[in-house]
Amino acid sequence: DSSGVVHSLKVETKKNKVTLLIFWASWCEHCRDELPDV
């Protein structure tokens, strides 16, 4: 993450009822449009 802490998707998914994995980019206009709803 932005603080340098490494996160594991598998570890995180086990902690939650459901995990939403999002692949995005700052330059992606469609991504930026979707983020407020997310």
PDB file of all heavy atoms in Angstrom:
ATOM      1  N   ASP A   1       0.847  -1.183   0.000  1.00  0.00           N
ATOM      2  CA  ASP A   1       0.000   0.000   0.000  1.00  0.00           C
ATOM      3  C   ASP A   1       0.894   1.249   0.000  1.00  0.00           C
ATOM      4  O   ASP A   1       2.121   1.144  -0.091  1.00  0.00           O
ATOM      5  CB  ASP A   1      -0.993  -0.015   1.170  1.00  0.00           C
ATOM      6  CG  ASP A   1      -0.333   0.053   2.548  1.00  0.00           C
ATOM      7  OD1 ASP A   1       0.849   0.460   2.660  1.00  0.00           O
ATOM      8  OD2 ASP A   1      -1.019  -0.288   3.529  1.00  0.00           O
ATOM      9  N   SER A   2       0.293   2.417   0.134  1.00  0.00           N
ATOM     10  CA  SER A   2       1.059   3.666   0.053  1.00  0.00           C
ATOM     11  C   SER A   2       2.018   3.865   1.224  1.00  0.00           C
ATOM     12  O   SER A   2       2.930   4.680   1.146  1.00  0.00           O
ATOM     13  CB  SER A   2       0.116   4.868  -0.058  1.00  0.00           C
ATOM     14  OG  SER A   2      -0.715   4.934   1.077  1.00  0.00           O
ATOM     15  N   SER A   3       1.844   3.099   2.302  1.00  0.00           N
ATOM     16  CA  SER A   3       2.763   3.163   3.446  1.00  0.00           C
ATOM     17  C   SER A   3       3.855   2.105   3.367  1.00  0.00           C
ATOM     18  O   SER A   3       4.694   2.015   4.260  1.00  0.00           O
ATOM     19  CB  SER A   3       1.988   2.967   4.756  1.00  0.00           C
ATOM     20  OG  SER A   3       1.032   3.976   4.906  1.00  0.00           O
ATOM     21  N   GLY A   4       3.813   1.286   2.326  1.00  0.00           N
ATOM     22  CA  GLY A   4       4.805   0.229   2.163  1.00  0.00           C
ATOM     23  C   GLY A   4       4.419  -1.086   2.818  1.00  0.00           C
ATOM     24  O   GLY A   4       5.173  -2.054   2.765  1.00  0.00           O
ATOM     25  N   VAL A   5       3.233  -1.156   3.431  1.00  0.00           N
ATOM     26  CA  VAL A   5       2.767  -2.381   4.066  1.00  0.00           C
ATOM     27  C   VAL A   5       2.267  -3.330   2.986  1.00  0.00           C
ATOM     28  O   VAL A   5       1.452  -2.947   2.132  1.00  0.00           O
ATOM     29  CB  VAL A   5       1.632  -2.087   5.080  1.00  0.00           C
ATOM     30  CG1 VAL A   5       1.065  -3.370   5.659  1.00  0.00           C
ATOM     31  CG2 VAL A   5       2.132  -1.156   6.169  1.00  0.00           C
ATOM     32  N   VAL A   6       2.757  -4.571   2.998  1.00  0.00           N
ATOM     33  CA  VAL A   6       2.357  -5.562   2.009  1.00  0.00           C
ATOM     34  C   VAL A   6       1.079  -6.261   2.486  1.00  0.00           C
ATOM     35  O   VAL A   6       0.987  -6.701   3.623  1.00  0.00           O
ATOM     36  CB  VAL A   6       3.483  -6.595   1.765  1.00  0.00           C
ATOM     37  CG1 VAL A   6       3.018  -7.695   0.825  1.00  0.00           C
ATOM     38  CG2 VAL A   6       4.717  -5.889   1.201  1.00  0.00           C
ATOM     39  N   HIS A   7       0.110  -6.347   1.591  1.00  0.00           N
ATOM     40  CA  HIS A   7      -1.169  -7.002   1.875  1.00  0.00           C
ATOM     41  C   HIS A   7      -1.306  -8.227   0.978  1.00  0.00           C
ATOM     42  O   HIS A   7      -0.936  -8.190  -0.188  1.00  0.00           O
ATOM     43  CB  HIS A   7      -2.337  -6.045   1.605  1.00  0.00           C
ATOM     44  CG  HIS A   7      -2.351  -4.855   2.489  1.00  0.00           C
ATOM     45  ND1 HIS A   7      -2.997  -4.843   3.701  1.00  0.00           N
ATOM     46  CD2 HIS A   7      -1.782  -3.629   2.354  1.00  0.00           C
ATOM     47  CE1 HIS A   7      -2.842  -3.667   4.268  1.00  0.00           C
ATOM     48  NE2 HIS A   7      -2.098  -2.908   3.464  1.00  0.00           N
ATOM     49  N   SER A   8      -1.890  -9.275   1.533  1.00  0.00           N
ATOM     50  CA  SER A   8      -2.155 -10.510   0.794  1.00  0.00           C
ATOM     51  C   SER A   8      -3.650 -10.644   0.569  1.00  0.00           C
ATOM     52  O   SER A   8      -4.438 -10.616   1.527  1.00  0.00           O
ATOM     53  CB  SER A   8      -1.646 -11.714   1.592  1.00  0.00           C
ATOM     54  OG  SER A   8      -2.204 -12.908   1.082  1.00  0.00           O
ATOM     55  N   LEU A   9      -4.055 -10.826  -0.665  1.00  0.00           N
ATOM     56  CA  LEU A   9      -5.461 -10.990  -0.995  1.00  0.00           C
ATOM     57  C   LEU A   9      -6.046 -12.214  -0.291  1.00  0.00           C
ATOM     58  O   LEU A   9      -7.134 -12.156   0.264  1.00  0.00           O
ATOM     59  CB  LEU A   9      -5.639 -11.107  -2.511  1.00  0.00           C
ATOM     60  CG  LEU A   9      -7.059 -11.331  -3.001  1.00  0.00           C
ATOM     61  CD1 LEU A   9      -7.960 -10.162  -2.623  1.00  0.00           C
ATOM     62  CD2 LEU A   9      -7.061 -11.551  -4.511  1.00  0.00           C
ATOM     63  N   LYS A  10      -5.319 -13.329  -0.298  1.00  0.00           N
ATOM     64  CA  LYS A  10      -5.829 -14.553   0.343  1.00  0.00           C
ATOM     65  C   LYS A  10      -6.060 -14.356   1.839  1.00  0.00           C
ATOM     66  O   LYS A  10      -7.057 -14.822   2.378  1.00  0.00           O
ATOM     67  CB  LYS A  10      -4.904 -15.729   0.088  1.00  0.00           C
ATOM     68  CG  LYS A  10      -5.023 -16.235  -1.327  1.00  0.00           C
ATOM     69  CD  LYS A  10      -4.485 -17.614  -1.498  1.00  0.00           C
ATOM     70  CE  LYS A  10      -4.715 -18.016  -2.941  1.00  0.00           C
ATOM     71  NZ  LYS A  10      -4.661 -19.400  -3.174  1.00  0.00           N
ATOM     72  N   VAL A  11      -5.167 -13.670   2.495  1.00  0.00           N
ATOM     73  CA  VAL A  11      -5.331 -13.398   3.930  1.00  0.00           C
ATOM     74  C   VAL A  11      -6.564 -12.525   4.151  1.00  0.00           C
ATOM     75  O   VAL A  11      -7.386 -12.790   5.040  1.00  0.00           O
ATOM     76  CB  VAL A  11      -4.062 -12.740   4.519  1.00  0.00           C
ATOM     77  CG1 VAL A  11      -4.323 -12.213   5.919  1.00  0.00           C
ATOM     78  CG2 VAL A  11      -2.897 -13.719   4.507  1.00  0.00           C
ATOM     79  N   GLU A  12      -6.714 -11.496   3.354  1.00  0.00           N
ATOM     80  CA  GLU A  12      -7.835 -10.567   3.518  1.00  0.00           C
ATOM     81  C   GLU A  12      -9.175 -11.226   3.232  1.00  0.00           C
ATOM     82  O   GLU A  12     -10.149 -10.970   3.929  1.00  0.00           O
ATOM     83  CB  GLU A  12      -7.653  -9.325   2.636  1.00  0.00           C
ATOM     84  CG  GLU A  12      -6.482  -8.452   3.032  1.00  0.00           C
ATOM     85  CD  GLU A  12      -6.572  -7.917   4.459  1.00  0.00           C
ATOM     86  OE1 GLU A  12      -7.691  -7.652   4.953  1.00  0.00           O
ATOM     87  OE2 GLU A  12      -5.511  -7.763   5.085  1.00  0.00           O
ATOM     88  N   THR A  13      -9.254 -12.078   2.209  1.00  0.00           N
ATOM     89  CA  THR A  13     -10.543 -12.697   1.873  1.00  0.00           C
ATOM     90  C   THR A  13     -11.047 -13.592   2.994  1.00  0.00           C
ATOM     91  O   THR A  13     -12.256 -13.694   3.204  1.00  0.00           O
ATOM     92  CB  THR A  13     -10.478 -13.507   0.561  1.00  0.00           C
ATOM     93  OG1 THR A  13      -9.475 -14.511   0.662  1.00  0.00           O
ATOM     94  CG2 THR A  13     -10.204 -12.622  -0.625  1.00  0.00           C
ATOM     95  N   LYS A  14     -10.146 -14.207   3.730  1.00  0.00           N
ATOM     96  CA  LYS A  14     -10.551 -15.093   4.831  1.00  0.00           C
ATOM     97  C   LYS A  14     -11.195 -14.331   5.985  1.00  0.00           C
ATOM     98  O   LYS A  14     -11.923 -14.900   6.783  1.00  0.00           O
ATOM     99  CB  LYS A  14      -9.349 -15.882   5.341  1.00  0.00           C
ATOM    100  CG  LYS A  14      -8.861 -16.910   4.354  1.00  0.00           C
ATOM    101  CD  LYS A  14      -7.624 -17.617   4.853  1.00  0.00           C
ATOM    102  CE  LYS A  14      -7.125 -18.583   3.790  1.00  0.00           C
ATOM    103  NZ  LYS A  14      -5.876 -19.220   4.170  1.00  0.00           N
ATOM    104  N   LYS A  15     -10.934 -13.041   6.071  1.00  0.00           N
ATOM    105  CA  LYS A  15     -11.426 -12.219   7.180  1.00  0.00           C
ATOM    106  C   LYS A  15     -12.850 -11.695   6.966  1.00  0.00           C
ATOM    107  O   LYS A  15     -13.456 -11.178   7.891  1.00  0.00           O
ATOM    108  CB  LYS A  15     -10.526 -10.994   7.371  1.00  0.00           C
ATOM    109  CG  LYS A  15      -9.114 -11.287   7.760  1.00  0.00           C
ATOM    110  CD  LYS A  15      -8.352  -9.968   7.856  1.00  0.00           C
ATOM    111  CE  LYS A  15      -6.888 -10.138   8.105  1.00  0.00           C
ATOM    112  NZ  LYS A  15      -6.197  -8.827   8.137  1.00  0.00           N
ATOM    113  N   ASN A  16     -13.374 -11.800   5.752  1.00  0.00           N
ATOM    114  CA  ASN A  16     -14.610 -11.112   5.401  1.00  0.00           C
ATOM    115  C   ASN A  16     -15.664 -12.060   4.838  1.00  0.00           C
ATOM    116  O   ASN A  16     -15.339 -13.123   4.320  1.00  0.00           O
ATOM    117  CB  ASN A  16     -14.306 -10.028   4.353  1.00  0.00           C
ATOM    118  CG  ASN A  16     -13.183  -9.136   4.803  1.00  0.00           C
ATOM    119  OD1 ASN A  16     -13.321  -8.414   5.779  1.00  0.00           O
ATOM    120  ND2 ASN A  16     -12.036  -9.216   4.138  1.00  0.00           N
ATOM    121  N   LYS A  17     -16.897 -11.613   4.899  1.00  0.00           N
ATOM    122  CA  LYS A  17     -17.985 -12.378   4.295  1.00  0.00           C
ATOM    123  C   LYS A  17     -17.825 -12.383   2.777  1.00  0.00           C
ATOM    124  O   LYS A  17     -18.068 -13.376   2.103  1.00  0.00           O
ATOM    125  CB  LYS A  17     -19.332 -11.772   4.691  1.00  0.00           C
ATOM    126  CG  LYS A  17     -20.515 -12.571   4.245  1.00  0.00           C
ATOM    127  CD  LYS A  17     -21.797 -12.044   4.860  1.00  0.00           C
ATOM    128  CE  LYS A  17     -22.973 -12.934   4.506  1.00  0.00           C
ATOM    129  NZ  LYS A  17     -24.198 -12.471   5.151  1.00  0.00           N
ATOM    130  N   VAL A  18     -17.382 -11.254   2.248  1.00  0.00           N
ATOM    131  CA  VAL A  18     -17.126 -11.130   0.816  1.00  0.00           C
ATOM    132  C   VAL A  18     -16.089 -10.024   0.604  1.00  0.00           C
ATOM    133  O   VAL A  18     -16.075  -9.026   1.317  1.00  0.00           O
ATOM    134  CB  VAL A  18     -18.426 -10.848   0.015  1.00  0.00           C
ATOM    135  CG1 VAL A  18     -19.034  -9.520   0.394  1.00  0.00           C
ATOM    136  CG2 VAL A  18     -18.199 -10.931  -1.479  1.00  0.00           C
ATOM    137  N   THR A  19     -15.221 -10.233  -0.373  1.00  0.00           N
ATOM    138  CA  THR A  19     -14.202  -9.242  -0.727  1.00  0.00           C
ATOM    139  C   THR A  19     -14.391  -8.859  -2.187  1.00  0.00           C
ATOM    140  O   THR A  19     -14.550  -9.729  -3.046  1.00  0.00           O
ATOM    141  CB  THR A  19     -12.784  -9.809  -0.523  1.00  0.00           C
ATOM    142  OG1 THR A  19     -12.641 -10.201   0.848  1.00  0.00           O
ATOM    143  CG2 THR A  19     -11.715  -8.793  -0.877  1.00  0.00           C
ATOM    144  N   LEU A  20     -14.381  -7.571  -2.431  1.00  0.00           N
ATOM    145  CA  LEU A  20     -14.450  -7.064  -3.793  1.00  0.00           C
ATOM    146  C   LEU A  20     -13.041  -6.677  -4.209  1.00  0.00           C
ATOM    147  O   LEU A  20     -12.439  -5.773  -3.623  1.00  0.00           O
ATOM    148  CB  LEU A  20     -15.381  -5.855  -3.883  1.00  0.00           C
ATOM    149  CG  LEU A  20     -15.485  -5.194  -5.257  1.00  0.00           C
ATOM    150  CD1 LEU A  20     -16.024  -6.174  -6.295  1.00  0.00           C
ATOM    151  CD2 LEU A  20     -16.360  -3.947  -5.181  1.00  0.00           C
ATOM    152  N   LEU A  21     -12.510  -7.386  -5.183  1.00  0.00           N
ATOM    153  CA  LEU A  21     -11.200  -7.075  -5.746  1.00  0.00           C
ATOM    154  C   LEU A  21     -11.423  -6.171  -6.951  1.00  0.00           C
ATOM    155  O   LEU A  21     -12.191  -6.511  -7.848  1.00  0.00           O
ATOM    156  CB  LEU A  21     -10.479  -8.356  -6.156  1.00  0.00           C
ATOM    157  CG  LEU A  21      -9.162  -8.221  -6.917  1.00  0.00           C
ATOM    158  CD1 LEU A  21      -8.127  -7.455  -6.114  1.00  0.00           C
ATOM    159  CD2 LEU A  21      -8.636  -9.601  -7.312  1.00  0.00           C
ATOM    160  N   ILE A  22     -10.763  -5.028  -6.922  1.00  0.00           N
ATOM    161  CA  ILE A  22     -10.891  -4.068  -8.023  1.00  0.00           C
ATOM    162  C   ILE A  22      -9.516  -3.844  -8.639  1.00  0.00           C
ATOM    163  O   ILE A  22      -8.566  -3.491  -7.940  1.00  0.00           O
ATOM    164  CB  ILE A  22     -11.420  -2.704  -7.544  1.00  0.00           C
ATOM    165  CG1 ILE A  22     -12.733  -2.847  -6.791  1.00  0.00           C
ATOM    166  CG2 ILE A  22     -11.559  -1.740  -8.726  1.00  0.00           C
ATOM    167  CD1 ILE A  22     -13.187  -1.553  -6.116  1.00  0.00           C
ATOM    168  N   PHE A  23      -9.421  -4.023  -9.931  1.00  0.00           N
ATOM    169  CA  PHE A  23      -8.226  -3.626 -10.676  1.00  0.00           C
ATOM    170  C   PHE A  23      -8.564  -2.326 -11.374  1.00  0.00           C
ATOM    171  O   PHE A  23      -9.573  -2.234 -12.079  1.00  0.00           O
ATOM    172  CB  PHE A  23      -7.834  -4.697 -11.693  1.00  0.00           C
ATOM    173  CG  PHE A  23      -7.305  -5.943 -11.057  1.00  0.00           C
ATOM    174  CD1 PHE A  23      -8.107  -7.055 -10.928  1.00  0.00           C
ATOM    175  CD2 PHE A  23      -6.009  -5.992 -10.576  1.00  0.00           C
ATOM    176  CE1 PHE A  23      -7.626  -8.212 -10.330  1.00  0.00           C
ATOM    177  CE2 PHE A  23      -5.509  -7.138  -9.973  1.00  0.00           C
ATOM    178  CZ  PHE A  23      -6.332  -8.255  -9.850  1.00  0.00           C
ATOM    179  N   TRP A  24      -7.734  -1.328 -11.165  1.00  0.00           N
ATOM    180  CA  TRP A  24      -8.001  -0.004 -11.701  1.00  0.00           C
ATOM    181  C   TRP A  24      -6.694   0.732 -11.965  1.00  0.00           C
ATOM    182  O   TRP A  24      -5.620   0.219 -11.688  1.00  0.00           O
ATOM    183  CB  TRP A  24      -8.877   0.785 -10.730  1.00  0.00           C
ATOM    184  CG  TRP A  24      -8.153   1.189  -9.474  1.00  0.00           C
ATOM    185  CD1 TRP A  24      -7.739   0.374  -8.460  1.00  0.00           C
ATOM    186  CD2 TRP A  24      -7.719   2.499  -9.130  1.00  0.00           C
ATOM    187  NE1 TRP A  24      -7.091   1.099  -7.492  1.00  0.00           N
ATOM    188  CE2 TRP A  24      -7.065   2.407  -7.873  1.00  0.00           C
ATOM    189  CE3 TRP A  24      -7.825   3.739  -9.747  1.00  0.00           C
ATOM    190  CZ2 TRP A  24      -6.519   3.530  -7.243  1.00  0.00           C
ATOM    191  CZ3 TRP A  24      -7.282   4.843  -9.104  1.00  0.00           C
ATOM    192  CH2 TRP A  24      -6.649   4.727  -7.865  1.00  0.00           C
ATOM    193  N   ALA A  25      -6.814   1.949 -12.480  1.00  0.00           N
ATOM    194  CA  ALA A  25      -5.647   2.813 -12.695  1.00  0.00           C
ATOM    195  C   ALA A  25      -6.100   4.268 -12.623  1.00  0.00           C
ATOM    196  O   ALA A  25      -7.240   4.594 -12.975  1.00  0.00           O
ATOM    197  CB  ALA A  25      -5.021   2.537 -14.057  1.00  0.00           C
ATOM    198  N   SER A  26      -5.215   5.127 -12.160  1.00  0.00           N
ATOM    199  CA  SER A  26      -5.562   6.540 -12.009  1.00  0.00           C
ATOM    200  C   SER A  26      -5.861   7.204 -13.349  1.00  0.00           C
ATOM    201  O   SER A  26      -6.646   8.146 -13.422  1.00  0.00           O
ATOM    202  CB  SER A  26      -4.438   7.294 -11.302  1.00  0.00           C
ATOM    203  OG  SER A  26      -3.276   7.298 -12.087  1.00  0.00           O
ATOM    204  N   TRP A  27      -5.261   6.707 -14.425  1.00  0.00           N
ATOM    205  CA  TRP A  27      -5.456   7.282 -15.750  1.00  0.00           C
ATOM    206  C   TRP A  27      -6.725   6.759 -16.440  1.00  0.00           C
ATOM    207  O   TRP A  27      -7.104   7.234 -17.505  1.00  0.00           O
ATOM    208  CB  TRP A  27      -4.254   6.995 -16.648  1.00  0.00           C
ATOM    209  CG  TRP A  27      -3.754   5.583 -16.561  1.00  0.00           C
ATOM    210  CD1 TRP A  27      -2.688   5.142 -15.826  1.00  0.00           C
ATOM    211  CD2 TRP A  27      -4.297   4.425 -17.192  1.00  0.00           C
ATOM    212  NE1 TRP A  27      -2.538   3.774 -15.965  1.00  0.00           N
ATOM    213  CE2 TRP A  27      -3.508   3.310 -16.800  1.00  0.00           C
ATOM    214  CE3 TRP A  27      -5.364   4.197 -18.050  1.00  0.00           C
ATOM    215  CZ2 TRP A  27      -3.767   2.015 -17.232  1.00  0.00           C
ATOM    216  CZ3 TRP A  27      -5.623   2.910 -18.478  1.00  0.00           C
ATOM    217  CH2 TRP A  27      -4.819   1.839 -18.071  1.00  0.00           C
ATOM    218  N   CYS A  28      -7.402   5.800 -15.823  1.00  0.00           N
ATOM    219  CA  CYS A  28      -8.588   5.174 -16.407  1.00  0.00           C
ATOM    220  C   CYS A  28      -9.834   5.981 -16.056  1.00  0.00           C
ATOM    221  O   CYS A  28     -10.275   5.989 -14.908  1.00  0.00           O
ATOM    222  CB  CYS A  28      -8.715   3.738 -15.901  1.00  0.00           C
ATOM    223  SG  CYS A  28     -10.282   2.945 -16.291  1.00  0.00           S
ATOM    224  N   GLU A  29     -10.390   6.666 -17.041  1.00  0.00           N
ATOM    225  CA  GLU A  29     -11.552   7.523 -16.823  1.00  0.00           C
ATOM    226  C   GLU A  29     -12.756   6.717 -16.323  1.00  0.00           C
ATOM    227  O   GLU A  29     -13.475   7.159 -15.421  1.00  0.00           O
ATOM    228  CB  GLU A  29     -11.901   8.244 -18.122  1.00  0.00           C
ATOM    229  CG  GLU A  29     -12.914   9.338 -17.947  1.00  0.00           C
ATOM    230  CD  GLU A  29     -13.120  10.140 -19.222  1.00  0.00           C
ATOM    231  OE1 GLU A  29     -12.123  10.492 -19.877  1.00  0.00           O
ATOM    232  OE2 GLU A  29     -14.290  10.410 -19.539  1.00  0.00           O
ATOM    233  N   HIS A  30     -12.978   5.554 -16.897  1.00  0.00           N
ATOM    234  CA  HIS A  30     -14.103   4.709 -16.463  1.00  0.00           C
ATOM    235  C   HIS A  30     -13.918   4.282 -14.999  1.00  0.00           C
ATOM    236  O   HIS A  30     -14.874   4.251 -14.233  1.00  0.00           O
ATOM    237  CB  HIS A  30     -14.237   3.495 -17.384  1.00  0.00           C
ATOM    238  CG  HIS A  30     -15.374   2.597 -17.051  1.00  0.00           C
ATOM    239  ND1 HIS A  30     -16.686   3.009 -17.078  1.00  0.00           N
ATOM    240  CD2 HIS A  30     -15.392   1.311 -16.654  1.00  0.00           C
ATOM    241  CE1 HIS A  30     -17.463   2.005 -16.729  1.00  0.00           C
ATOM    242  NE2 HIS A  30     -16.710   0.967 -16.457  1.00  0.00           N
ATOM    243  N   CYS A  31     -12.684   3.984 -14.598  1.00  0.00           N
ATOM    244  CA  CYS A  31     -12.407   3.628 -13.196  1.00  0.00           C
ATOM    245  C   CYS A  31     -12.790   4.777 -12.279  1.00  0.00           C
ATOM    246  O   CYS A  31     -13.473   4.581 -11.263  1.00  0.00           O
ATOM    247  CB  CYS A  31     -10.927   3.326 -12.991  1.00  0.00           C
ATOM    248  SG  CYS A  31     -10.294   1.942 -13.949  1.00  0.00           S
ATOM    249  N   ARG A  32     -12.334   5.950 -12.623  1.00  0.00           N
ATOM    250  CA  ARG A  32     -12.591   7.127 -11.786  1.00  0.00           C
ATOM    251  C   ARG A  32     -14.084   7.447 -11.717  1.00  0.00           C
ATOM    252  O   ARG A  32     -14.584   7.919 -10.701  1.00  0.00           O
ATOM    253  CB  ARG A  32     -11.803   8.330 -12.294  1.00  0.00           C
ATOM    254  CG  ARG A  32     -10.286   8.146 -12.361  1.00  0.00           C
ATOM    255  CD  ARG A  32      -9.629   7.970 -11.002  1.00  0.00           C
ATOM    256  NE  ARG A  32      -9.594   9.165 -10.207  1.00  0.00           N
ATOM    257  CZ  ARG A  32      -8.608  10.040 -10.173  1.00  0.00           C
ATOM    258  NH1 ARG A  32      -7.516   9.844 -10.891  1.00  0.00           N
ATOM    259  NH2 ARG A  32      -8.676  11.103  -9.415  1.00  0.00           N
ATOM    260  N   ASP A  33     -14.818   7.152 -12.806  1.00  0.00           N
ATOM    261  CA  ASP A  33     -16.265   7.353 -12.816  1.00  0.00           C
ATOM    262  C   ASP A  33     -16.978   6.363 -11.899  1.00  0.00           C
ATOM    263  O   ASP A  33     -18.000   6.701 -11.290  1.00  0.00           O
ATOM    264  CB  ASP A  33     -16.833   7.214 -14.236  1.00  0.00           C
ATOM    265  CG  ASP A  33     -16.451   8.366 -15.149  1.00  0.00           C
ATOM    266  OD1 ASP A  33     -16.003   9.423 -14.639  1.00  0.00           O
ATOM    267  OD2 ASP A  33     -16.583   8.209 -16.373  1.00  0.00           O
ATOM    268  N   GLU A  34     -16.465   5.139 -11.811  1.00  0.00           N
ATOM    269  CA  GLU A  34     -17.095   4.086 -11.006  1.00  0.00           C
ATOM    270  C   GLU A  34     -16.817   4.251  -9.511  1.00  0.00           C
ATOM    271  O   GLU A  34     -17.628   3.850  -8.677  1.00  0.00           O
ATOM    272  CB  GLU A  34     -16.588   2.704 -11.444  1.00  0.00           C
ATOM    273  CG  GLU A  34     -17.019   2.286 -12.831  1.00  0.00           C
ATOM    274  CD  GLU A  34     -18.350   1.558 -12.850  1.00  0.00           C
ATOM    275  OE1 GLU A  34     -19.171   1.756 -11.932  1.00  0.00           O
ATOM    276  OE2 GLU A  34     -18.564   0.796 -13.795  1.00  0.00           O
ATOM    277  N   LEU A  35     -15.681   4.829  -9.143  1.00  0.00           N
ATOM    278  CA  LEU A  35     -15.261   4.861  -7.740  1.00  0.00           C
ATOM    279  C   LEU A  35     -16.224   5.562  -6.780  1.00  0.00           C
ATOM    280  O   LEU A  35     -16.402   5.087  -5.658  1.00  0.00           O
ATOM    281  CB  LEU A  35     -13.846   5.412  -7.617  1.00  0.00           C
ATOM    282  CG  LEU A  35     -12.752   4.452  -8.076  1.00  0.00           C
ATOM    283  CD1 LEU A  35     -11.385   5.119  -7.989  1.00  0.00           C
ATOM    284  CD2 LEU A  35     -12.763   3.150  -7.306  1.00  0.00           C
ATOM    285  N   PRO A  36     -16.880   6.672  -7.146  1.00  0.00           N
ATOM    286  CA  PRO A  36     -17.835   7.259  -6.192  1.00  0.00           C
ATOM    287  C   PRO A  36     -18.974   6.305  -5.811  1.00  0.00           C
ATOM    288  O   PRO A  36     -19.377   6.240  -4.653  1.00  0.00           O
ATOM    289  CB  PRO A  36     -18.360   8.499  -6.926  1.00  0.00           C
ATOM    290  CG  PRO A  36     -17.246   8.867  -7.853  1.00  0.00           C
ATOM    291  CD  PRO A  36     -16.664   7.548  -8.301  1.00  0.00           C
ATOM    292  N   ASP A  37     -19.486   5.542  -6.791  1.00  0.00           N
ATOM    293  CA  ASP A  37     -20.538   4.568  -6.495  1.00  0.00           C
ATOM    294  C   ASP A  37     -20.010   3.440  -5.619  1.00  0.00           C
ATOM    295  O   ASP A  37     -20.703   2.971  -4.708  1.00  0.00           O
ATOM    296  CB  ASP A  37     -21.123   3.986  -7.779  1.00  0.00           C
ATOM    297  CG  ASP A  37     -21.920   5.008  -8.570  1.00  0.00           C
ATOM    298  OD1 ASP A  37     -22.405   5.991  -7.966  1.00  0.00           O
ATOM    299  OD2 ASP A  37     -22.061   4.825  -9.789  1.00  0.00           O
ATOM    300  N   VAL A  38     -18.797   3.004  -5.887  1.00  0.00           N
ATOM    301  CA  VAL A  38     -18.170   1.957  -5.079  1.00  0.00           C
ATOM    302  C   VAL A  38     -17.994   2.465  -3.647  1.00  0.00           C
ATOM    303  O   VAL A  38     -18.313   1.760  -2.685  1.00  0.00           O
ATOM    304  CB  VAL A  38     -16.808   1.515  -5.677  1.00  0.00           C
ATOM    305  CG1 VAL A  38     -16.100   0.539  -4.758  1.00  0.00           C
ATOM    306  CG2 VAL A  38     -16.995   0.923  -7.063  1.00  0.00           C
TER     307      VAL A  38
END
